[in-house]
C-alpha atoms as a PDB file:
ATOM      1  CA  MET A   1     -60.782  55.688 -71.771  1.00  0.00           C
ATOM      2  CA  MET A   2     -58.558  56.129 -74.756  1.00  0.00           C
ATOM      3  CA  LYS A   3     -55.930  53.882 -76.253  1.00  0.00           C
ATOM      4  CA  VAL A   4     -53.102  55.405 -78.037  1.00  0.00           C
ATOM      5  CA  TYR A   5     -51.249  53.158 -80.497  1.00  0.00           C
ATOM      6  CA  TYR A   6     -47.484  54.213 -81.365  1.00  0.00           C
ATOM      7  CA  ILE A   7     -47.271  52.281 -84.883  1.00  0.00           C
ATOM      8  CA  CYS A   8     -43.909  53.269 -86.128  1.00  0.00           C
ATOM      9  CA  HIS A   9     -42.125  56.793 -86.630  1.00  0.00           C
ATOM     10  CA  SER A  10     -44.899  59.122 -87.175  1.00  0.00           C
ATOM     11  CA  THR A  11     -47.563  56.614 -87.632  1.00  0.00           C
ATOM     12  CA  TRP A  12     -50.275  56.978 -84.625  1.00  0.00           C
ATOM     13  CA  GLY A  13     -53.575  55.551 -84.084  1.00  0.00           C
ATOM     14  CA  ILE A  14     -56.371  56.388 -81.467  1.00  0.00           C
ATOM     15  CA  ILE A  15     -59.136  54.306 -80.130  1.00  0.00           C
ATOM     16  CA  SER A  16     -62.215  56.422 -78.262  1.00  0.00           C
ATOM     17  CA  ASP A  17     -65.576  55.939 -77.595  1.00  0.00           C
ATOM     18  CA  VAL A  18     -65.923  59.610 -79.670  1.00  0.00           C
ATOM     19  CA  LYS A  19     -63.894  58.994 -82.513  1.00  0.00           C
ATOM     20  CA  ASP A  20     -60.971  56.523 -84.056  1.00  0.00           C
ATOM     21  CA  LEU A  21     -58.384  58.171 -85.907  1.00  0.00           C
ATOM     22  CA  LEU A  22     -55.064  57.285 -87.717  1.00  0.00           C
ATOM     23  CA  PHE A  23     -52.241  59.794 -88.489  1.00  0.00           C
ATOM     24  CA  ASP A  24     -49.455  59.743 -90.894  1.00  0.00           C
ATOM     25  CA  TYR A  25     -49.672  56.532 -92.200  1.00  0.00           C
ATOM     26  CA  SER A  26     -46.372  55.388 -94.039  1.00  0.00           C
ATOM     27  CA  GLU A  27     -44.754  52.136 -95.039  1.00  0.00           C
ATOM     28  CA  ARG A  28     -41.568  53.476 -95.960  1.00  0.00           C
ATOM     29  CA  ILE A  29     -40.308  53.746 -92.408  1.00  0.00           C
ATOM     30  CA  CYS A  30     -42.215  50.818 -91.019  1.00  0.00           C
ATOM     31  CA  GLY A  31     -42.366  48.279 -93.563  1.00  0.00           C
ATOM     32  CA  SER A  32     -45.097  46.370 -95.057  1.00  0.00           C
ATOM     33  CA  GLY A  33     -45.541  44.904 -92.168  1.00  0.00           C
ATOM     34  CA  VAL A  34     -47.324  48.033 -90.530  1.00  0.00           C
ATOM     35  CA  ARG A  35     -50.486  47.026 -92.906  1.00  0.00           C
ATOM     36  CA  GLY A  36     -51.477  44.125 -90.548  1.00  0.00           C
ATOM     37  CA  VAL A  37     -51.074  46.183 -87.241  1.00  0.00           C
ATOM     38  CA  VAL A  38     -53.016  48.928 -88.513  1.00  0.00           C
ATOM     39  CA  MET A  39     -55.957  46.252 -90.069  1.00  0.00           C
ATOM     40  CA  LYS A  40     -55.877  44.641 -86.641  1.00  0.00           C
ATOM     41  CA  ILE A  41     -56.281  47.796 -84.581  1.00  0.00           C
ATOM     42  CA  PHE A  42     -59.280  49.329 -87.208  1.00  0.00           C
ATOM     43  CA  SER A  43     -60.789  46.475 -87.730  1.00  0.00           C
ATOM     44  CA  GLY A  44     -64.551  46.464 -87.993  1.00  0.00           C
ATOM     45  CA  ARG A  45     -64.016  50.645 -87.413  1.00  0.00           C
ATOM     46  CA  SER A  46     -64.481  53.683 -89.394  1.00  0.00           C
ATOM     47  CA  PRO A  47     -61.608  55.882 -88.349  1.00  0.00           C
ATOM     48  CA  LEU A  48     -60.611  59.354 -89.518  1.00  0.00           C
ATOM     49  CA  ILE A  49     -57.314  59.071 -91.601  1.00  0.00           C
ATOM     50  CA  LEU A  50     -55.074  62.331 -91.323  1.00  0.00           C
ATOM     51  CA  PHE A  51     -51.942  63.277 -93.387  1.00  0.00           C
ATOM     52  CA  SER A  52     -50.189  66.085 -92.178  1.00  0.00           C
ATOM     53  CA  HIS A  53     -48.220  66.039 -95.845  1.00  0.00           C
ATOM     54  CA  THR A  54     -46.886  63.885 -98.570  1.00  0.00           C
ATOM     55  CA  HIS A  55     -43.168  63.117 -97.570  1.00  0.00           C
ATOM     56  CA  SER A  56     -42.871  59.275 -97.538  1.00  0.00           C
ATOM     57  CA  ASP A  57     -42.331  58.786 -94.180  1.00  0.00           C
ATOM     58  CA  HIS A  58     -45.672  60.294 -93.045  1.00  0.00           C
ATOM     59  CA  PHE A  59     -47.637  58.918 -96.323  1.00  0.00           C
ATOM     60  CA  SER A  60     -48.604  56.004 -98.166  1.00  0.00           C
ATOM     61  CA  PRO A  61     -51.676  55.988-100.265  1.00  0.00           C
ATOM     62  CA  SER A  62     -51.892  52.355-100.034  1.00  0.00           C
ATOM     63  CA  VAL A  63     -53.938  52.939 -96.279  1.00  0.00           C
ATOM     64  CA  SER A  64     -56.892  53.220 -98.903  1.00  0.00           C
ATOM     65  CA  THR A  65     -56.785  49.559 -99.478  1.00  0.00           C
ATOM     66  CA  ILE A  66     -56.048  48.446 -95.804  1.00  0.00           C
ATOM     67  CA  VAL A  67     -58.763  50.533 -93.879  1.00  0.00           C
ATOM     68  CA  LYS A  68     -62.275  50.189 -95.081  1.00  0.00           C
ATOM     69  CA  ASN A  69     -65.292  52.713 -94.419  1.00  0.00           C
ATOM     70  CA  ALA A  70     -62.561  55.693 -93.648  1.00  0.00           C
ATOM     71  CA  GLN A  71     -62.692  59.039 -94.282  1.00  0.00           C
ATOM     72  CA  TYR A  72     -59.723  61.051 -95.238  1.00  0.00           C
ATOM     73  CA  ILE A  73     -58.218  64.511 -94.283  1.00  0.00           C
ATOM     74  CA  LEU A  74     -55.671  66.020 -96.703  1.00  0.00           C
ATOM     75  CA  PRO A  75     -53.837  69.378 -96.722  1.00  0.00           C
ATOM     76  CA  ARG A  76     -54.441  71.906 -99.416  1.00  0.00           C
ATOM     77  CA  ASP A  77     -51.137  71.410-100.856  1.00  0.00           C
ATOM     78  CA  THR A  78     -51.328  67.508-101.505  1.00  0.00           C
ATOM     79  CA  PRO A  79     -50.719  67.021-105.041  1.00  0.00           C
ATOM     80  CA  GLU A  80     -54.178  66.735-106.795  1.00  0.00           C
ATOM     81  CA  ASP A  81     -52.950  63.316-108.510  1.00  0.00           C
ATOM     82  CA  ILE A  82     -52.358  62.293-105.274  1.00  0.00           C
ATOM     83  CA  ALA A  83     -55.774  63.388-103.541  1.00  0.00           C
ATOM     84  CA  ARG A  84     -57.648  62.222-106.315  1.00  0.00           C
ATOM     85  CA  GLY A  85     -57.153  58.548-105.138  1.00  0.00           C
ATOM     86  CA  PHE A  86     -58.777  59.115-101.920  1.00  0.00           C
ATOM     87  CA  SER A  87     -62.320  59.048-101.141  1.00  0.00           C
ATOM     88  CA  PRO A  88     -64.195  60.123 -99.017  1.00  0.00           C
ATOM     89  CA  LYS A  89     -62.069  63.074 -98.419  1.00  0.00           C
ATOM     90  CA  VAL A  90     -62.083  66.656 -96.978  1.00  0.00           C
ATOM     91  CA  VAL A  91     -59.139  69.016 -98.234  1.00  0.00           C
ATOM     92  CA  VAL A  92     -58.455  71.342 -95.504  1.00  0.00           C
ATOM     93  CA  PRO A  93     -56.592  74.886 -95.860  1.00  0.00           C
ATOM     94  CA  LEU A  94     -53.116  75.283 -94.651  1.00  0.00           C
ATOM     95  CA  ARG A  95     -54.510  77.514 -91.878  1.00  0.00           C
ATOM     96  CA  GLY A  96     -57.994  77.446 -91.101  1.00  0.00           C
ATOM     97  CA  LYS A  97     -60.754  75.365 -89.742  1.00  0.00           C
ATOM     98  CA  VAL A  98     -63.579  72.810 -90.690  1.00  0.00           C
ATOM     99  CA  THR A  99     -66.061  70.611 -88.928  1.00  0.00           C
ATOM    100  CA  LEU A 100     -66.636  67.002 -90.081  1.00  0.00           C
ATOM    101  CA  ASP A 101     -69.043  64.571 -88.126  1.00  0.00           C
ATOM    102  CA  GLY A 102     -68.747  66.600 -85.019  1.00  0.00           C
ATOM    103  CA  VAL A 103     -64.994  66.725 -84.967  1.00  0.00           C
ATOM    104  CA  VAL A 104     -63.426  70.432 -85.253  1.00  0.00           C
ATOM    105  CA  ILE A 105     -60.371  70.306 -87.618  1.00  0.00           C
ATOM    106  CA  GLN A 106     -58.162  73.303 -86.814  1.00  0.00           C
ATOM    107  CA  THR A 107     -54.975  73.232 -88.723  1.00  0.00           C
ATOM    108  CA  PHE A 108     -51.473  75.291 -88.356  1.00  0.00           C
ATOM    109  CA  PRO A 109     -48.994  76.073 -91.267  1.00  0.00           C
ATOM    110  CA  SER A 110     -46.015  73.586 -90.779  1.00  0.00           C
ATOM    111  CA  THR A 111     -42.487  74.712 -91.096  1.00  0.00           C
ATOM    112  CA  ASP A 112     -41.716  72.188 -93.550  1.00  0.00           C
ATOM    113  CA  GLU A 113     -44.662  70.973 -95.832  1.00  0.00           C
ATOM    114  CA  GLY A 114     -48.343  70.651 -94.988  1.00  0.00           C
ATOM    115  CA  VAL A 115     -50.021  70.960 -91.427  1.00  0.00           C
ATOM    116  CA  ALA A 116     -50.495  70.421 -87.777  1.00  0.00           C
ATOM    117  CA  TYR A 117     -53.504  69.744 -86.634  1.00  0.00           C
ATOM    118  CA  LEU A 118     -55.869  70.534 -83.592  1.00  0.00           C
ATOM    119  CA  LEU A 119     -58.793  68.055 -83.060  1.00  0.00           C
ATOM    120  CA  GLU A 120     -61.557  68.800 -80.851  1.00  0.00           C
ATOM    121  CA  LEU A 121     -63.620  65.807 -80.158  1.00  0.00           C
ATOM    122  CA  GLU A 122     -67.699  66.083 -79.409  1.00  0.00           C
ATOM    123  CA  ASP A 123     -66.660  65.516 -75.870  1.00  0.00           C
ATOM    124  CA  GLY A 124     -64.673  68.108 -75.812  1.00  0.00           C
ATOM    125  CA  CYS A 125     -61.106  66.235 -76.088  1.00  0.00           C
ATOM    126  CA  ARG A 126     -58.478  68.434 -77.744  1.00  0.00           C
ATOM    127  CA  ILE A 127     -55.555  66.437 -79.679  1.00  0.00           C
ATOM    128  CA  PHE A 128     -52.689  68.056 -81.271  1.00  0.00           C
ATOM    129  CA  PHE A 129     -50.522  66.382 -83.934  1.00  0.00           C
ATOM    130  CA  ALA A 130     -47.578  68.120 -85.187  1.00  0.00           C
ATOM    131  CA  GLY A 131     -46.853  66.246 -88.359  1.00  0.00           C
ATOM    132  CA  ASP A 132     -43.457  68.300 -89.490  1.00  0.00           C
ATOM    133  CA  LEU A 133     -44.141  71.164 -87.247  1.00  0.00           C
ATOM    134  CA  ALA A 134     -40.426  71.502 -85.574  1.00  0.00           C
ATOM    135  CA  ARG A 135     -37.568  73.718 -85.226  1.00  0.00           C
ATOM    136  CA  TRP A 136     -35.730  72.461 -88.412  1.00  0.00           C
ATOM    137  CA  VAL A 137     -32.061  74.106 -87.782  1.00  0.00           C
ATOM    138  CA  TRP A 138     -29.214  72.283 -88.885  1.00  0.00           C
ATOM    139  CA  PRO A 139     -25.973  72.457 -87.878  1.00  0.00           C
ATOM    140  CA  ASP A 140     -24.649  73.265 -91.188  1.00  0.00           C
ATOM    141  CA  ASP A 141     -27.375  75.509 -92.411  1.00  0.00           C
ATOM    142  CA  THR A 142     -26.444  78.990 -93.443  1.00  0.00           C
ATOM    143  CA  GLU A 143     -27.157  81.962 -91.570  1.00  0.00           C
ATOM    144  CA  LYS A 144     -30.141  82.978 -93.732  1.00  0.00           C
ATOM    145  CA  ASN A 145     -31.596  79.603 -93.268  1.00  0.00           C
ATOM    146  CA  ARG A 146     -31.283  79.473 -89.744  1.00  0.00           C
ATOM    147  CA  ARG A 147     -32.952  83.138 -89.366  1.00  0.00           C
ATOM    148  CA  GLU A 148     -36.043  81.836 -91.430  1.00  0.00           C
ATOM    149  CA  ALA A 149     -36.450  78.567 -89.820  1.00  0.00           C
ATOM    150  CA  GLU A 150     -36.347  80.222 -86.501  1.00  0.00           C
ATOM    151  CA  ARG A 151     -39.053  83.232 -87.606  1.00  0.00           C
ATOM    152  CA  MET A 152     -41.076  80.710 -89.031  1.00  0.00           C
ATOM    153  CA  TRP A 153     -40.859  78.546 -85.633  1.00  0.00           C
ATOM    154  CA  LYS A 154     -41.542  80.968 -83.491  1.00  0.00           C
ATOM    155  CA  ARG A 155     -44.410  82.296 -85.475  1.00  0.00           C
ATOM    156  CA  VAL A 156     -46.581  78.961 -85.196  1.00  0.00           C
ATOM    157  CA  LEU A 157     -45.366  78.742 -81.492  1.00  0.00           C
ATOM    158  CA  GLY A 158     -47.083  82.544 -81.110  1.00  0.00           C
ATOM    159  CA  GLU A 159     -50.169  81.037 -82.713  1.00  0.00           C
ATOM    160  CA  LEU A 160     -50.649  77.887 -80.367  1.00  0.00           C
ATOM    161  CA  GLU A 161     -50.073  80.082 -77.228  1.00  0.00           C
ATOM    162  CA  GLU A 162     -54.082  80.390 -76.491  1.00  0.00           C
ATOM    163  CA  TYR A 163     -54.309  76.732 -76.916  1.00  0.00           C
ATOM    164  CA  ASN A 164     -52.211  76.024 -73.808  1.00  0.00           C
ATOM    165  CA  GLY A 165     -53.425  72.801 -71.865  1.00  0.00           C
ATOM    166  CA  VAL A 166     -54.431  70.615 -74.752  1.00  0.00           C
ATOM    167  CA  ASP A 167     -55.196  66.855 -73.751  1.00  0.00           C
ATOM    168  CA  LEU A 168     -53.062  64.573 -76.032  1.00  0.00           C
ATOM    169  CA  ALA A 169     -50.177  66.234 -78.150  1.00  0.00           C
ATOM    170  CA  PHE A 170     -48.122  64.308 -80.398  1.00  0.00           C
ATOM    171  CA  LEU A 171     -44.873  66.092 -81.013  1.00  0.00           C
ATOM    172  CA  VAL A 172     -41.305  65.935 -82.890  1.00  0.00           C
ATOM    173  CA  ALA A 173     -38.632  64.535 -80.723  1.00  0.00           C
ATOM    174  CA  ASP A 174     -36.027  64.046 -84.043  1.00  0.00           C
ATOM    175  CA  PRO A 175     -33.228  62.290 -82.781  1.00  0.00           C
ATOM    176  CA  ARG A 176     -31.032  63.848 -85.819  1.00  0.00           C
ATOM    177  CA  LEU A 177     -31.148  67.295 -83.992  1.00  0.00           C
ATOM    178  CA  GLU A 178     -29.656  68.223 -80.562  1.00  0.00           C
ATOM    179  CA  ASP A 179     -32.779  70.097 -78.966  1.00  0.00           C
ATOM    180  CA  LEU A 180     -34.954  66.986 -80.784  1.00  0.00           C
ATOM    181  CA  GLY A 181     -36.370  69.872 -83.136  1.00  0.00           C
ATOM    182  CA  GLY A 182     -37.832  72.032 -80.733  1.00  0.00           C
ATOM    183  CA  PHE A 183     -39.770  69.735 -78.473  1.00  0.00           C
ATOM    184  CA  LEU A 184     -39.289  71.343 -75.079  1.00  0.00           C
ATOM    185  CA  GLU A 185     -40.287  74.584 -76.457  1.00  0.00           C
ATOM    186  CA  ILE A 186     -43.740  73.314 -77.957  1.00  0.00           C
ATOM    187  CA  PHE A 187     -44.220  71.167 -74.844  1.00  0.00           C
ATOM    188  CA  GLN A 188     -43.834  74.164 -72.806  1.00  0.00           C
ATOM    189  CA  VAL A 189     -46.252  76.442 -75.003  1.00  0.00           C
ATOM    190  CA  LEU A 190     -49.132  73.987 -75.068  1.00  0.00           C
ATOM    191  CA  GLN A 191     -48.742  72.117 -71.488  1.00  0.00           C
ATOM    192  CA  PRO A 192     -50.410  68.944 -72.633  1.00  0.00           C
ATOM    193  CA  LYS A 193     -52.146  66.414 -70.509  1.00  0.00           C
ATOM    194  CA  HIS A 194     -50.723  63.354 -72.515  1.00  0.00           C
ATOM    195  CA  THR A 195     -47.508  63.911 -74.787  1.00  0.00           C
ATOM    196  CA  PHE A 196     -46.156  61.251 -77.030  1.00  0.00           C
ATOM    197  CA  PRO A 197     -42.874  61.816 -79.104  1.00  0.00           C
ATOM    198  CA  ILE A 198     -43.099  61.616 -82.547  1.00  0.00           C
ATOM    199  CA  HIS A 199     -40.649  61.458 -85.855  1.00  0.00           C
ATOM    200  CA  ASN A 200     -38.014  59.049 -84.418  1.00  0.00           C
ATOM    201  CA  PHE A 201     -37.069  56.734 -87.268  1.00  0.00           C
ATOM    202  CA  GLY A 202     -37.409  53.702 -84.841  1.00  0.00           C
ATOM    203  CA  VAL A 203     -34.304  55.113 -82.400  1.00  0.00           C
ATOM    204  CA  PHE A 204     -35.673  55.433 -79.062  1.00  0.00           C
ATOM    205  CA  SER A 205     -32.324  56.123 -76.912  1.00  0.00           C
ATOM    206  CA  HIS A 206     -32.819  59.727 -77.488  1.00  0.00           C
ATOM    207  CA  TYR A 207     -36.127  59.550 -75.192  1.00  0.00           C
ATOM    208  CA  LYS A 208     -33.872  59.691 -72.117  1.00  0.00           C
ATOM    209  CA  LYS A 209     -33.703  63.454 -72.878  1.00  0.00           C
ATOM    210  CA  LEU A 210     -37.612  63.338 -72.243  1.00  0.00           C
ATOM    211  CA  LYS A 211     -38.000  61.165 -68.860  1.00  0.00           C
ATOM    212  CA  GLY A 212     -39.609  62.866 -65.928  1.00  0.00           C
ATOM    213  CA  LEU A 213     -41.295  65.415 -67.908  1.00  0.00           C
ATOM    214  CA  ARG A 214     -45.177  65.574 -66.625  1.00  0.00           C
ATOM    215  CA  GLY A 215     -47.484  63.462 -68.778  1.00  0.00           C
ATOM    216  CA  VAL A 216     -44.978  62.375 -71.505  1.00  0.00           C
ATOM    217  CA  HIS A 217     -45.295  58.339 -72.722  1.00  0.00           C
ATOM    218  CA  LEU A 218     -42.152  57.182 -73.900  1.00  0.00           C
ATOM    219  CA  PRO A 219     -42.749  54.161 -76.714  1.00  0.00           C
ATOM    220  CA  SER A 220     -39.900  51.688 -76.452  1.00  0.00           C
ATOM    221  CA  GLY A 221     -41.008  49.339 -79.422  1.00  0.00           C
ATOM    222  CA  THR A 222     -43.631  48.856 -81.932  1.00  0.00           C
ATOM    223  CA  PRO A 223     -46.396  48.406 -82.018  1.00  0.00           C
ATOM    224  CA  GLN A 224     -47.270  49.669 -78.624  1.00  0.00           C
ATOM    225  CA  GLU A 225     -50.504  50.237 -77.006  1.00  0.00           C
ATOM    226  CA  PHE A 226     -50.969  53.161 -74.083  1.00  0.00           C
ATOM    227  CA  ILE A 227     -54.285  53.270 -71.998  1.00  0.00           C
ATOM    228  CA  LEU A 228     -55.389  56.787 -71.068  1.00  0.00           C
ATOM    229  CA  GLY A 229     -58.079  56.231 -68.189  1.00  0.00           C
ATOM    230  CA  ASP A 230     -58.603  59.887 -67.569  1.00  0.00           C
ATOM    231  CA  LEU A 231     -59.394  60.813 -71.345  1.00  0.00           C
END
């Protein structure tokens, strides 16, 4: 059994029998009240805390003072003066694979900054976390910027095709974009057993576009716990 916690925006937690995980802890969108939520979820635990990149809606260094006995994963483009404040930590390449305490951590370059993560836990469960990997095509983009964004997006989707059938995926569904940042495209590529939309800025109304999709779980408030009995 696995418990998945929607904490706020792109901040998500996982409690499992194999490994506890916290993704993209941020206080910018969530506010300081998120500290108590995270402390309660991970009390007495030793999670792996992963940051996809250092945009402030995905990253708050203060997590290092909140969760004890944690290990940190940071992408290689994290500024050195920021990375210095985390210990113990592993700095991962923008595209590559490392193994930490039985967890295989594979990275893919984002279409913005940092990385997307594909984790394989010791029990074989595969978890994909997009970070800021999305189809960032805005209405007022120049044609050149639009073409470059599409090129980057299609390239990473091509790399992900071989990972079809992941167990759990956290995919960008941004309310500011008509196609939610390519949610349906990457959903079709990965075909996850369970999927959670991220990057919502606390807005839930756009999730109506995702209702009825197989295995898609839609948060309606924060914090919110989901229990996945088959993982």
